[in-house]
Amino acid sequence: MKKVLITRKFPEQFVAPLQEVAEVVQWHEEHSAMPREQLLQQVADVDAIWGTLEDQIDEELLAHAPKLKMVANLAVGYNNLHIEALRDRGIMATNTPNVLTNATADLAFGLLIATARRLVEGADYLRAGQWQGWSPMQLTGMEVSGATLGIIGMGRIGSAVARRARGFDMQVLYHNRNRKYEDEEMYGFRYRDLDALLQESDFVMVLTPYTAETHHLISARELALMKETAIFINVSRGGTVDEAALYDALKNGDIWAAGLDVFEQEPVPVEHPLLTLPNVVALPHIASASVKARHEMFKTNVEALLTFLDDDKPKNRLT
């Protein structure tokens, strides 16, 4: 019987099918990752790992896992996986594509509205007992309807956000490695090079994958190109943005506000400079955190693991 290691406590209904056909070892905590030392010990005799983005499947771990043949990653992104090392060892890896698009697009657009209209700041203002009456410019924000949205990274999620923007009569600009001619013709989206997009957009949203090429894609030079009234939204990965440069731009009024669901270090330290600014809406990386999306992610991983345990090749393979 093959052995599966689960690095978090996952809902029982998704673990049970694996327990029927394999020996399953599961970490007992839902909200914290298995400590690295224990993870390295546990992988010594496992055939498969079901893990999350916080589990680094790298050369060190693989050296401790001579029997490993399968990794199921509970995420679309896979920066935590050393793909080349897995491929060199003939180890299969899968992720959860195509099931997070709507949940992530909903959150991204909600974060845009919350930042533009200062919703979090307004709620805190009320709860702190500061609402003493009405004044003409009290907590005034930026309008979304009719504004220009610039999307950097026009994949499935970017396209879904852009379609939502049409309902707010927004003009949508995008920058992507490949032109999306069909979307341009069908929806009226317009391609721009990166500099032009930054200069023309009222809202700039990053939805590109995190790679060596996109590391600090948005830094001081790019922020300086944006309008002083522009709002920056990041729902991709923290590493796509130079956070020190973003802090300076927000503090100095070079851009108006930012909405962030991701940070370079996660969980983000509460003393992080960006969290001291009133014009930053910060969320704890919850773009895909709808019940439906999470359940679909679990099911996608379980299907892949069951296929592997049945000595077949799973879908959604990265290697």
C-alpha atoms as a PDB file:
ATOM      1  CA  MET A   1       0.000   0.000   0.000  1.00  0.00           C
ATOM      2  CA  LYS A   2       1.360   3.411  -0.980  1.00  0.00           C
ATOM      3  CA  LYS A   3       1.884   6.119   1.612  1.00  0.00           C
ATOM      4  CA  VAL A   4       0.601   9.698   1.335  1.00  0.00           C
ATOM      5  CA  LEU A   5       1.781  12.583   3.507  1.00  0.00           C
ATOM      6  CA  ILE A   6      -0.637  15.520   3.969  1.00  0.00           C
ATOM      7  CA  THR A   7       1.151  18.594   5.304  1.00  0.00           C
ATOM      8  CA  ARG A   8      -1.961  20.297   6.768  1.00  0.00           C
ATOM      9  CA  LYS A   9      -5.190  19.174   8.392  1.00  0.00           C
ATOM     10  CA  PHE A  10      -7.641  19.123   5.505  1.00  0.00           C
ATOM     11  CA  PRO A  11     -11.428  18.564   5.685  1.00  0.00           C
ATOM     12  CA  GLU A  12     -12.239  14.942   6.419  1.00  0.00           C
ATOM     13  CA  GLN A  13     -14.523  14.481   3.405  1.00  0.00           C
ATOM     14  CA  PHE A  14     -11.568  15.040   1.092  1.00  0.00           C
ATOM     15  CA  VAL A  15      -9.083  12.937   3.045  1.00  0.00           C
ATOM     16  CA  ALA A  16     -11.386   9.912   3.493  1.00  0.00           C
ATOM     17  CA  PRO A  17     -11.203   8.664  -0.142  1.00  0.00           C
ATOM     18  CA  LEU A  18      -7.419   8.509   0.132  1.00  0.00           C
ATOM     19  CA  GLN A  19      -7.549   6.607   3.407  1.00  0.00           C
ATOM     20  CA  GLU A  20      -9.496   3.850   1.672  1.00  0.00           C
ATOM     21  CA  VAL A  21      -6.675   3.086  -0.757  1.00  0.00           C
ATOM     22  CA  ALA A  22      -3.481   4.303   0.922  1.00  0.00           C
ATOM     23  CA  GLU A  23      -1.713   4.779   4.216  1.00  0.00           C
ATOM     24  CA  VAL A  24      -2.287   8.426   5.063  1.00  0.00           C
ATOM     25  CA  VAL A  25      -0.230  10.496   7.484  1.00  0.00           C
ATOM     26  CA  GLN A  26      -1.629  13.991   8.139  1.00  0.00           C
ATOM     27  CA  TRP A  27      -0.352  16.992  10.070  1.00  0.00           C
ATOM     28  CA  HIS A  28      -2.742  17.851  12.903  1.00  0.00           C
ATOM     29  CA  GLU A  29      -2.898  21.648  12.433  1.00  0.00           C
ATOM     30  CA  GLU A  30      -5.064  23.490   9.915  1.00  0.00           C
ATOM     31  CA  HIS A  31      -3.669  26.983  10.409  1.00  0.00           C
ATOM     32  CA  SER A  32       0.048  26.262  10.579  1.00  0.00           C
ATOM     33  CA  ALA A  33       2.389  24.344   8.326  1.00  0.00           C
ATOM     34  CA  MET A  34       4.244  21.223   9.372  1.00  0.00           C
ATOM     35  CA  PRO A  35       7.614  22.352  10.749  1.00  0.00           C
ATOM     36  CA  ARG A  36      10.413  21.884   8.254  1.00  0.00           C
ATOM     37  CA  GLU A  37      12.393  19.464  10.425  1.00  0.00           C
ATOM     38  CA  GLN A  38       9.379  17.210  10.860  1.00  0.00           C
ATOM     39  CA  LEU A  39       8.565  17.441   7.166  1.00  0.00           C
ATOM     40  CA  LEU A  40      12.050  16.258   6.251  1.00  0.00           C
ATOM     41  CA  GLN A  41      11.674  13.324   8.641  1.00  0.00           C
ATOM     42  CA  GLN A  42       8.194  12.366   7.459  1.00  0.00           C
ATOM     43  CA  VAL A  43       9.045  12.220   3.743  1.00  0.00           C
ATOM     44  CA  ALA A  44      11.588   9.426   4.166  1.00  0.00           C
ATOM     45  CA  ASP A  45       9.188   6.664   3.113  1.00  0.00           C
ATOM     46  CA  VAL A  46       6.274   8.429   1.380  1.00  0.00           C
ATOM     47  CA  ASP A  47       5.138   7.878  -2.188  1.00  0.00           C
ATOM     48  CA  ALA A  48       3.130  11.088  -2.457  1.00  0.00           C
ATOM     49  CA  ILE A  49       2.896  14.501  -0.785  1.00  0.00           C
ATOM     50  CA  TRP A  50      -0.239  16.611  -0.655  1.00  0.00           C
ATOM     51  CA  GLY A  51       0.932  20.065   0.328  1.00  0.00           C
ATOM     52  CA  THR A  52       0.419  23.807   0.097  1.00  0.00           C
ATOM     53  CA  LEU A  53       2.360  26.837  -1.120  1.00  0.00           C
ATOM     54  CA  GLU A  54       4.133  27.047   2.245  1.00  0.00           C
ATOM     55  CA  ASP A  55       5.795  23.665   1.713  1.00  0.00           C
ATOM     56  CA  GLN A  56       9.081  24.049  -0.142  1.00  0.00           C
ATOM     57  CA  ILE A  57       9.586  20.947  -2.289  1.00  0.00           C
ATOM     58  CA  ASP A  58      13.230  21.567  -3.092  1.00  0.00           C
ATOM     59  CA  GLU A  59      16.522  19.714  -3.499  1.00  0.00           C
ATOM     60  CA  GLU A  60      16.943  19.347   0.255  1.00  0.00           C
ATOM     61  CA  LEU A  61      13.545  17.738   0.722  1.00  0.00           C
ATOM     62  CA  LEU A  62      13.912  15.491  -2.316  1.00  0.00           C
ATOM     63  CA  ALA A  63      17.207  14.202  -0.961  1.00  0.00           C
ATOM     64  CA  HIS A  64      15.238  12.996   2.091  1.00  0.00           C
ATOM     65  CA  ALA A  65      12.479  11.399   0.004  1.00  0.00           C
ATOM     66  CA  PRO A  66      13.901   8.511  -2.050  1.00  0.00           C
ATOM     67  CA  LYS A  67      10.487   6.902  -2.682  1.00  0.00           C
ATOM     68  CA  LEU A  68       8.611  10.066  -3.659  1.00  0.00           C
ATOM     69  CA  LYS A  69       6.806   9.867  -7.001  1.00  0.00           C
ATOM     70  CA  MET A  70       3.988  12.411  -6.737  1.00  0.00           C
ATOM     71  CA  VAL A  71       3.354  15.913  -5.347  1.00  0.00           C
ATOM     72  CA  ALA A  72      -0.130  17.461  -5.336  1.00  0.00           C
ATOM     73  CA  ASN A  73       0.035  21.232  -4.745  1.00  0.00           C
ATOM     74  CA  LEU A  74      -3.065  22.894  -3.282  1.00  0.00           C
ATOM     75  CA  ALA A  75      -2.644  26.008  -5.413  1.00  0.00           C
ATOM     76  CA  VAL A  76      -2.502  27.268  -8.958  1.00  0.00           C
ATOM     77  CA  GLY A  77       0.918  28.827  -8.411  1.00  0.00           C
ATOM     78  CA  TYR A  78       3.884  26.563  -7.822  1.00  0.00           C
ATOM     79  CA  ASN A  79       6.814  28.777  -6.877  1.00  0.00           C
ATOM     80  CA  ASN A  80       7.320  26.434  -3.925  1.00  0.00           C
ATOM     81  CA  LEU A  81       8.111  23.521  -6.226  1.00  0.00           C
ATOM     82  CA  HIS A  82      11.561  22.987  -7.702  1.00  0.00           C
ATOM     83  CA  ILE A  83      10.223  21.899 -11.069  1.00  0.00           C
ATOM     84  CA  GLU A  84      13.544  20.986 -12.641  1.00  0.00           C
ATOM     85  CA  ALA A  85      14.564  18.852  -9.674  1.00  0.00           C
ATOM     86  CA  LEU A  86      11.212  17.054  -9.721  1.00  0.00           C
ATOM     87  CA  ARG A  87      11.445  16.479 -13.457  1.00  0.00           C
ATOM     88  CA  ASP A  88      15.024  15.189 -13.208  1.00  0.00           C
ATOM     89  CA  ARG A  89      13.880  12.597 -10.669  1.00  0.00           C
ATOM     90  CA  GLY A  90      10.781  11.595 -12.631  1.00  0.00           C
ATOM     91  CA  ILE A  91       8.468  12.856  -9.893  1.00  0.00           C
ATOM     92  CA  MET A  92       5.019  13.974 -11.000  1.00  0.00           C
ATOM     93  CA  ALA A  93       3.612  17.266  -9.733  1.00  0.00           C
ATOM     94  CA  THR A  94       0.111  18.679 -10.168  1.00  0.00           C
ATOM     95  CA  ASN A  95      -1.676  21.890  -9.254  1.00  0.00           C
ATOM     96  CA  THR A  96      -5.263  23.193  -9.290  1.00  0.00           C
ATOM     97  CA  PRO A  97      -5.803  25.300 -12.425  1.00  0.00           C
ATOM     98  CA  ASN A  98      -9.136  26.516 -13.776  1.00  0.00           C
ATOM     99  CA  VAL A  99     -11.022  26.351 -10.468  1.00  0.00           C
ATOM    100  CA  LEU A 100      -9.969  29.657  -8.877  1.00  0.00           C
ATOM    101  CA  THR A 101     -10.694  32.077 -11.689  1.00  0.00           C
ATOM    102  CA  ASN A 102     -14.065  33.439 -10.576  1.00  0.00           C
ATOM    103  CA  ALA A 103     -13.242  33.590  -6.877  1.00  0.00           C
ATOM    104  CA  THR A 104      -9.988  35.444  -7.560  1.00  0.00           C
ATOM    105  CA  ALA A 105     -11.575  37.817 -10.073  1.00  0.00           C
ATOM    106  CA  ASP A 106     -14.381  38.615  -7.619  1.00  0.00           C
ATOM    107  CA  LEU A 107     -11.910  39.416  -4.858  1.00  0.00           C
ATOM    108  CA  ALA A 108      -9.677  41.443  -7.166  1.00  0.00           C
ATOM    109  CA  PHE A 109     -12.550  43.631  -8.277  1.00  0.00           C
ATOM    110  CA  GLY A 110     -13.882  43.877  -4.725  1.00  0.00           C
ATOM    111  CA  LEU A 111     -10.446  45.004  -3.529  1.00  0.00           C
ATOM    112  CA  LEU A 112     -10.397  47.611  -6.284  1.00  0.00           C
ATOM    113  CA  ILE A 113     -13.739  49.038  -5.164  1.00  0.00           C
ATOM    114  CA  ALA A 114     -12.847  48.861  -1.460  1.00  0.00           C
ATOM    115  CA  THR A 115      -9.617  50.773  -2.083  1.00  0.00           C
ATOM    116  CA  ALA A 116     -11.183  53.349  -4.385  1.00  0.00           C
ATOM    117  CA  ARG A 117     -14.084  54.109  -2.051  1.00  0.00           C
ATOM    118  CA  ARG A 118     -12.096  53.787   1.205  1.00  0.00           C
ATOM    119  CA  LEU A 119     -14.471  51.155   2.571  1.00  0.00           C
ATOM    120  CA  VAL A 120     -12.137  49.707   5.194  1.00  0.00           C
ATOM    121  CA  GLU A 121     -11.060  53.144   6.337  1.00  0.00           C
ATOM    122  CA  GLY A 122     -14.708  54.217   6.551  1.00  0.00           C
ATOM    123  CA  ALA A 123     -15.716  51.167   8.568  1.00  0.00           C
ATOM    124  CA  ASP A 124     -12.825  51.732  10.999  1.00  0.00           C
ATOM    125  CA  TYR A 125     -13.763  55.424  11.226  1.00  0.00           C
ATOM    126  CA  LEU A 126     -17.311  54.517  12.258  1.00  0.00           C
ATOM    127  CA  ARG A 127     -16.302  51.834  14.769  1.00  0.00           C
ATOM    128  CA  ALA A 128     -13.786  54.181  16.373  1.00  0.00           C
ATOM    129  CA  GLY A 129     -16.593  56.644  17.142  1.00  0.00           C
ATOM    130  CA  GLN A 130     -15.194  59.300  14.802  1.00  0.00           C
ATOM    131  CA  TRP A 131     -18.402  59.741  12.792  1.00  0.00           C
ATOM    132  CA  GLN A 132     -19.805  62.869  14.387  1.00  0.00           C
ATOM    133  CA  GLY A 133     -21.717  64.246  11.424  1.00  0.00           C
ATOM    134  CA  TRP A 134     -21.654  64.979   7.711  1.00  0.00           C
ATOM    135  CA  SER A 135     -19.143  67.115   5.813  1.00  0.00           C
ATOM    136  CA  PRO A 136     -18.849  67.616   2.058  1.00  0.00           C
ATOM    137  CA  MET A 137     -15.505  65.877   1.494  1.00  0.00           C
ATOM    138  CA  GLN A 138     -15.650  63.335   4.313  1.00  0.00           C
ATOM    139  CA  LEU A 139     -13.978  60.051   3.263  1.00  0.00           C
ATOM    140  CA  THR A 140     -14.337  60.894  -0.417  1.00  0.00           C
ATOM    141  CA  GLY A 141     -12.792  58.375  -2.781  1.00  0.00           C
ATOM    142  CA  MET A 142     -12.300  57.717  -6.477  1.00  0.00           C
ATOM    143  CA  GLU A 143     -15.118  56.646  -8.781  1.00  0.00           C
ATOM    144  CA  VAL A 144     -14.836  53.304 -10.505  1.00  0.00           C
ATOM    145  CA  SER A 145     -17.506  53.722 -13.164  1.00  0.00           C
ATOM    146  CA  GLY A 146     -16.107  55.097 -16.397  1.00  0.00           C
ATOM    147  CA  ALA A 147     -12.491  54.920 -15.210  1.00  0.00           C
ATOM    148  CA  THR A 148      -9.617  53.223 -17.059  1.00  0.00           C
ATOM    149  CA  LEU A 149      -8.401  49.890 -15.716  1.00  0.00           C
ATOM    150  CA  GLY A 150      -4.967  48.660 -16.748  1.00  0.00           C
ATOM    151  CA  ILE A 151      -4.396  44.932 -16.271  1.00  0.00           C
ATOM    152  CA  ILE A 152      -0.870  43.518 -16.257  1.00  0.00           C
ATOM    153  CA  GLY A 153      -1.168  39.807 -17.024  1.00  0.00           C
ATOM    154  CA  MET A 154      -4.174  38.930 -19.166  1.00  0.00           C
ATOM    155  CA  GLY A 155      -4.582  35.252 -18.387  1.00  0.00           C
ATOM    156  CA  ARG A 156      -7.821  33.600 -17.282  1.00  0.00           C
ATOM    157  CA  ILE A 157      -8.094  35.735 -14.151  1.00  0.00           C
ATOM    158  CA  GLY A 158      -7.128  38.942 -15.918  1.00  0.00           C
ATOM    159  CA  SER A 159      -9.739  38.313 -18.581  1.00  0.00           C
ATOM    160  CA  ALA A 160     -12.368  37.574 -15.913  1.00  0.00           C
ATOM    161  CA  VAL A 161     -11.573  40.834 -14.104  1.00  0.00           C
ATOM    162  CA  ALA A 162     -11.726  42.732 -17.393  1.00  0.00           C
ATOM    163  CA  ARG A 163     -15.169  41.329 -18.171  1.00  0.00           C
ATOM    164  CA  ARG A 164     -16.388  42.437 -14.739  1.00  0.00           C
ATOM    165  CA  ALA A 165     -15.022  45.902 -15.441  1.00  0.00           C
ATOM    166  CA  ARG A 166     -17.275  46.187 -18.483  1.00  0.00           C
ATOM    167  CA  GLY A 167     -20.255  46.177 -16.121  1.00  0.00           C
ATOM    168  CA  PHE A 168     -18.867  49.383 -14.616  1.00  0.00           C
ATOM    169  CA  ASP A 169     -18.376  50.987 -18.045  1.00  0.00           C
ATOM    170  CA  MET A 170     -14.627  50.934 -17.551  1.00  0.00           C
ATOM    171  CA  GLN A 171     -12.182  51.188 -20.409  1.00  0.00           C
ATOM    172  CA  VAL A 172      -9.852  48.192 -20.146  1.00  0.00           C
ATOM    173  CA  LEU A 173      -6.206  48.323 -21.187  1.00  0.00           C
ATOM    174  CA  TYR A 174      -3.965  45.315 -20.828  1.00  0.00           C
ATOM    175  CA  HIS A 175      -0.344  44.278 -21.100  1.00  0.00           C
ATOM    176  CA  ASN A 176       0.554  40.660 -21.724  1.00  0.00           C
ATOM    177  CA  ARG A 177       3.266  38.605 -23.371  1.00  0.00           C
ATOM    178  CA  ASN A 178       0.804  37.664 -26.087  1.00  0.00           C
ATOM    179  CA  ARG A 179      -1.895  39.811 -27.642  1.00  0.00           C
ATOM    180  CA  LYS A 180      -5.458  38.682 -26.945  1.00  0.00           C
ATOM    181  CA  TYR A 181      -6.935  39.553 -30.324  1.00  0.00           C
ATOM    182  CA  GLU A 182     -10.153  37.630 -29.716  1.00  0.00           C
ATOM    183  CA  ASP A 183     -10.816  39.500 -26.465  1.00  0.00           C
ATOM    184  CA  GLU A 184      -9.971  42.781 -28.158  1.00  0.00           C
ATOM    185  CA  GLU A 185     -12.488  42.122 -30.900  1.00  0.00           C
ATOM    186  CA  MET A 186     -15.191  40.653 -28.662  1.00  0.00           C
ATOM    187  CA  TYR A 187     -14.959  42.965 -25.645  1.00  0.00           C
ATOM    188  CA  GLY A 188     -13.073  46.028 -26.830  1.00  0.00           C
ATOM    189  CA  PHE A 189     -10.054  45.537 -24.574  1.00  0.00           C
ATOM    190  CA  ARG A 190      -6.994  47.475 -25.775  1.00  0.00           C
ATOM    191  CA  TYR A 191      -3.378  46.361 -25.725  1.00  0.00           C
ATOM    192  CA  ARG A 192      -0.687  48.720 -24.431  1.00  0.00           C
ATOM    193  CA  ASP A 193       3.011  48.395 -23.735  1.00  0.00           C
ATOM    194  CA  LEU A 194       3.732  48.544 -20.026  1.00  0.00           C
ATOM    195  CA  ASP A 195       4.771  52.183 -19.852  1.00  0.00           C
ATOM    196  CA  ALA A 196       1.730  53.404 -21.783  1.00  0.00           C
ATOM    197  CA  LEU A 197      -0.597  51.322 -19.616  1.00  0.00           C
ATOM    198  CA  LEU A 198       0.882  52.813 -16.451  1.00  0.00           C
ATOM    199  CA  GLN A 199       0.572  56.349 -17.780  1.00  0.00           C
ATOM    200  CA  GLU A 200      -3.018  56.033 -19.001  1.00  0.00           C
ATOM    201  CA  SER A 201      -4.681  53.953 -16.284  1.00  0.00           C
ATOM    202  CA  ASP A 202      -6.695  55.150 -13.297  1.00  0.00           C
ATOM    203  CA  PHE A 203      -6.366  51.686 -11.773  1.00  0.00           C
ATOM    204  CA  VAL A 204      -3.372  49.399 -12.330  1.00  0.00           C
ATOM    205  CA  MET A 205      -3.876  45.749 -11.411  1.00  0.00           C
ATOM    206  CA  VAL A 206      -1.109  43.135 -11.417  1.00  0.00           C
ATOM    207  CA  LEU A 207      -2.261  39.600 -12.225  1.00  0.00           C
ATOM    208  CA  THR A 208       0.896  38.173 -13.744  1.00  0.00           C
ATOM    209  CA  PRO A 209       2.600  34.998 -12.498  1.00  0.00           C
ATOM    210  CA  TYR A 210       5.697  35.468 -10.352  1.00  0.00           C
ATOM    211  CA  THR A 211       8.856  34.513 -12.233  1.00  0.00           C
ATOM    212  CA  ALA A 212      12.434  35.729 -12.470  1.00  0.00           C
ATOM    213  CA  GLU A 213      11.267  38.026 -15.268  1.00  0.00           C
ATOM    214  CA  THR A 214       8.421  39.551 -13.214  1.00  0.00           C
ATOM    215  CA  HIS A 215      10.405  40.030  -9.987  1.00  0.00           C
ATOM    216  CA  HIS A 216       9.893  43.697  -9.013  1.00  0.00           C
ATOM    217  CA  LEU A 217       8.155  44.310 -12.305  1.00  0.00           C
ATOM    218  CA  ILE A 218       6.632  47.337 -10.577  1.00  0.00           C
ATOM    219  CA  SER A 219       9.360  49.443  -8.970  1.00  0.00           C
ATOM    220  CA  ALA A 220      10.186  53.125  -8.536  1.00  0.00           C
ATOM    221  CA  ARG A 221      10.450  53.815 -12.276  1.00  0.00           C
ATOM    222  CA  GLU A 222       7.069  52.229 -13.040  1.00  0.00           C
ATOM    223  CA  LEU A 223       5.322  53.889 -10.095  1.00  0.00           C
ATOM    224  CA  ALA A 224       6.633  57.270 -11.229  1.00  0.00           C
ATOM    225  CA  LEU A 225       4.841  56.780 -14.550  1.00  0.00           C
ATOM    226  CA  MET A 226       1.446  56.404 -12.880  1.00  0.00           C
ATOM    227  CA  LYS A 227      -1.012  59.241 -12.288  1.00  0.00           C
ATOM    228  CA  GLU A 228      -1.017  60.887  -8.854  1.00  0.00           C
ATOM    229  CA  THR A 229      -4.693  59.887  -8.657  1.00  0.00           C
ATOM    230  CA  ALA A 230      -4.005  56.271  -9.671  1.00  0.00           C
ATOM    231  CA  ILE A 231      -4.757  53.240  -7.528  1.00  0.00           C
ATOM    232  CA  PHE A 232      -2.505  50.188  -7.544  1.00  0.00           C
ATOM    233  CA  ILE A 233      -3.928  46.690  -6.941  1.00  0.00           C
ATOM    234  CA  ASN A 234      -1.845  43.536  -6.515  1.00  0.00           C
ATOM    235  CA  VAL A 235      -3.541  40.120  -6.487  1.00  0.00           C
ATOM    236  CA  SER A 236      -0.654  38.166  -8.017  1.00  0.00           C
ATOM    237  CA  ARG A 237       2.427  37.607  -5.847  1.00  0.00           C
ATOM    238  CA  GLY A 238       4.191  40.019  -3.530  1.00  0.00           C
ATOM    239  CA  GLY A 239       7.487  39.656  -5.347  1.00  0.00           C
ATOM    240  CA  THR A 240       6.160  41.343  -8.464  1.00  0.00           C
ATOM    241  CA  VAL A 241       6.318  44.673  -6.619  1.00  0.00           C
ATOM    242  CA  ASP A 242       9.177  46.530  -4.955  1.00  0.00           C
ATOM    243  CA  GLU A 243       7.431  47.159  -1.640  1.00  0.00           C
ATOM    244  CA  ALA A 244       9.902  49.817  -0.490  1.00  0.00           C
ATOM    245  CA  ALA A 245       9.311  51.787  -3.681  1.00  0.00           C
ATOM    246  CA  LEU A 246       5.549  51.338  -3.321  1.00  0.00           C
ATOM    247  CA  TYR A 247       5.677  52.647   0.257  1.00  0.00           C
ATOM    248  CA  ASP A 248       7.574  55.732  -0.859  1.00  0.00           C
ATOM    249  CA  ALA A 249       5.152  56.391  -3.730  1.00  0.00           C
ATOM    250  CA  LEU A 250       2.125  56.116  -1.435  1.00  0.00           C
ATOM    251  CA  LYS A 251       3.631  58.150   1.403  1.00  0.00           C
ATOM    252  CA  ASN A 252       4.805  60.923  -0.934  1.00  0.00           C
ATOM    253  CA  GLY A 253       1.500  61.135  -2.804  1.00  0.00           C
ATOM    254  CA  ASP A 254       2.961  59.956  -6.103  1.00  0.00           C
ATOM    255  CA  ILE A 255      -0.020  57.588  -6.370  1.00  0.00           C
ATOM    256  CA  TRP A 256      -3.311  57.783  -4.500  1.00  0.00           C
ATOM    257  CA  ALA A 257      -3.783  54.371  -2.876  1.00  0.00           C
ATOM    258  CA  ALA A 258      -3.033  50.650  -3.055  1.00  0.00           C
ATOM    259  CA  GLY A 259      -4.991  47.454  -2.445  1.00  0.00           C
ATOM    260  CA  LEU A 260      -2.813  44.446  -1.651  1.00  0.00           C
ATOM    261  CA  ASP A 261      -3.764  40.812  -1.184  1.00  0.00           C
ATOM    262  CA  VAL A 262      -0.152  39.579  -1.357  1.00  0.00           C
ATOM    263  CA  PHE A 263       3.212  40.480   0.140  1.00  0.00           C
ATOM    264  CA  GLU A 264       6.818  39.432  -0.378  1.00  0.00           C
ATOM    265  CA  GLN A 265       6.894  37.926   3.112  1.00  0.00           C
ATOM    266  CA  GLU A 266       3.784  36.055   4.167  1.00  0.00           C
ATOM    267  CA  PRO A 267       2.323  36.275   6.716  1.00  0.00           C
ATOM    268  CA  VAL A 268       3.232  39.956   6.466  1.00  0.00           C
ATOM    269  CA  PRO A 269       4.740  41.352   9.698  1.00  0.00           C
ATOM    270  CA  VAL A 270       2.319  43.709  11.442  1.00  0.00           C
ATOM    271  CA  GLU A 271       5.106  46.298  11.668  1.00  0.00           C
ATOM    272  CA  HIS A 272       5.513  46.329   7.861  1.00  0.00           C
ATOM    273  CA  PRO A 273       5.730  49.978   6.693  1.00  0.00           C
ATOM    274  CA  LEU A 274       2.908  49.547   4.176  1.00  0.00           C
ATOM    275  CA  LEU A 275       0.518  48.638   6.997  1.00  0.00           C
ATOM    276  CA  THR A 276       1.103  52.009   8.636  1.00  0.00           C
ATOM    277  CA  LEU A 277      -0.421  53.916   5.713  1.00  0.00           C
ATOM    278  CA  PRO A 278      -4.114  54.841   5.724  1.00  0.00           C
ATOM    279  CA  ASN A 279      -4.280  54.652   1.921  1.00  0.00           C
ATOM    280  CA  VAL A 280      -3.412  50.941   1.843  1.00  0.00           C
ATOM    281  CA  VAL A 281      -6.088  48.235   1.986  1.00  0.00           C
ATOM    282  CA  ALA A 282      -4.328  45.023   3.005  1.00  0.00           C
ATOM    283  CA  LEU A 283      -5.746  41.505   2.924  1.00  0.00           C
ATOM    284  CA  PRO A 284      -4.220  38.172   4.066  1.00  0.00           C
ATOM    285  CA  HIS A 285      -3.865  36.482   0.643  1.00  0.00           C
ATOM    286  CA  ILE A 286      -7.524  35.436   0.359  1.00  0.00           C
ATOM    287  CA  ALA A 287      -8.166  35.898  -3.364  1.00  0.00           C
ATOM    288  CA  SER A 288      -9.250  32.302  -3.883  1.00  0.00           C
ATOM    289  CA  ALA A 289     -10.875  31.889  -0.463  1.00  0.00           C
ATOM    290  CA  SER A 290     -14.432  31.122  -1.415  1.00  0.00           C
ATOM    291  CA  VAL A 291     -15.979  27.904  -0.115  1.00  0.00           C
ATOM    292  CA  LYS A 292     -16.720  26.755  -3.657  1.00  0.00           C
ATOM    293  CA  ALA A 293     -13.203  27.435  -4.914  1.00  0.00           C
ATOM    294  CA  ARG A 294     -11.520  25.769  -1.955  1.00  0.00           C
ATOM    295  CA  HIS A 295     -13.677  22.669  -2.321  1.00  0.00           C
ATOM    296  CA  GLU A 296     -12.873  22.509  -6.020  1.00  0.00           C
ATOM    297  CA  MET A 297      -9.171  22.776  -5.204  1.00  0.00           C
ATOM    298  CA  PHE A 298      -9.403  19.896  -2.738  1.00  0.00           C
ATOM    299  CA  LYS A 299     -11.348  17.777  -5.226  1.00  0.00           C
ATOM    300  CA  THR A 300      -8.860  18.481  -8.010  1.00  0.00           C
ATOM    301  CA  ASN A 301      -5.943  17.371  -5.840  1.00  0.00           C
ATOM    302  CA  VAL A 302      -7.789  14.294  -4.577  1.00  0.00           C
ATOM    303  CA  GLU A 303      -8.623  13.203  -8.122  1.00  0.00           C
ATOM    304  CA  ALA A 304      -4.969  13.545  -9.085  1.00  0.00           C
ATOM    305  CA  LEU A 305      -3.793  11.580  -6.049  1.00  0.00           C
ATOM    306  CA  LEU A 306      -6.338   8.810  -6.560  1.00  0.00           C
ATOM    307  CA  THR A 307      -5.286   8.519 -10.185  1.00  0.00           C
ATOM    308  CA  PHE A 308      -1.648   8.239  -9.125  1.00  0.00           C
ATOM    309  CA  LEU A 309      -2.511   5.651  -6.453  1.00  0.00           C
ATOM    310  CA  ASP A 310      -4.268   3.673  -9.168  1.00  0.00           C
ATOM    311  CA  ASP A 311      -0.985   3.648 -11.118  1.00  0.00           C
ATOM    312  CA  ASP A 312      -2.264   6.009 -13.778  1.00  0.00           C
ATOM    313  CA  LYS A 313      -1.173   9.490 -14.886  1.00  0.00           C
ATOM    314  CA  PRO A 314      -3.138  12.371 -13.320  1.00  0.00           C
ATOM    315  CA  LYS A 315      -4.372  15.511 -15.043  1.00  0.00           C
ATOM    316  CA  ASN A 316      -3.018  19.015 -14.418  1.00  0.00           C
ATOM    317  CA  ARG A 317       0.560  17.826 -14.455  1.00  0.00           C
ATOM    318  CA  LEU A 318       3.396  20.304 -14.090  1.00  0.00           C
ATOM    319  CA  THR A 319       6.033  17.608 -14.588  1.00  0.00           C
END
